[in-house]
Amino acid sequence: MYEEFFRLRQLPFENTPDPRFFYDSEQHREALAAIEYTIRLRKGIVLVTGEIGSGKTTVGRKMLSRCGDQCTVAQIVHAHKDRADLIAHVIRAIGVEPPEGATHARLLEILHEVLIEHAQQRRPVVLFVDEAQNLSDSSLEELRLLSNFDTNTVKLLQLVLVGQPELRQRIAAPHMLPLRQRIVLAKQLKAMSRADTGAYIAHRLCAASLDPDHPVVDFDERAVNAVYENTGGTPRLINVVCDNALLMSYVRETTTVTADTVLAVIEDMLPSFGEPVVRPVSKRGEWTAPRMGTRSWDTSLTL
């Protein structure tokens, strides 16, 4: 809607894991390097965890875009309680249709044959499991067993487990020791700093602009402060606030997003239900605001 006004080739703050918008903060860069290292050297299982909206999936998709031409990627995004169903899903994700009614044992044989074939073609298979915290314990154990597929020299299957922090807690349980011992690298993503929030916003605006070196629209310093204070540096929330702020700036016919615009957007997203909205001011006279989620409003409804 506002793309032409701001001279954008696409919307800059969509909440999709588009690798073109990957912002390499130090922690995201480390997570990407960990995944890539594990895959390229066929080390085993890598674990990436973080809160909702912290950029886990985007890191994974960026990795896939880098390695996709050198390996076969099988993605799983649905929970599976049945072991045979899980293995059948993996086989389909690799591009092979398993025979109907095949037993769990037969499915494992088929998967092993497929992995051997890919290894002979020097094309390793990477199993990318998103939202892995939704998998049952039996499914996680099944994935561990799959990590045992190897030849005398190389592993046949690389696993990337991506999930929310509770996945770490589950894997830390005593009965998960066999799986835990297979994890060679683990990264935990946290919310971004104020500096990274500003750089993240600028990066996405440049990436989406028709002229990346000279974007038409920008967020002034106080606007960035307002975004950070209200989102706590969580990428998904930053995207939602910035997208709405751009829309409001378009309506106001200005190419500079201000703190006043950001505040107006926040008030619309977090209604006070008739109560007055407090706009606290620090001792130095700088505008500050409570972060999203501090009022009695479920932010998940807007994301």
Foldseek 3Di string as FASTA:
>chain_A
DCCVLQQFQDQLQDPDLDLLLDDPDPQLVVLLVVVLVCVVQQQAEEEEAEAPQLNQVSSVVNSCVVCVVQAQEFEAEDADPDQQVLLQSRCVSSPDHDDPPDDSVVSVVVVLVVLVVCVVVNHAYEYEYEQCVRYDPVNLVSVLVQQPRDDPPHTSYHYYHYHYPVVVVVCPDPVNVSVVVRHPYYGYGYADDLVVLQVSQLSSQLSGHPHSVDGQAHEDPLLSQALCQAAVRRSNSSSLLVSQQSVVCVVVSHRYRYNVSSVVSVCVLPPPVPDDADFDADPVRRTHHHYHPPDPDDSVVVD
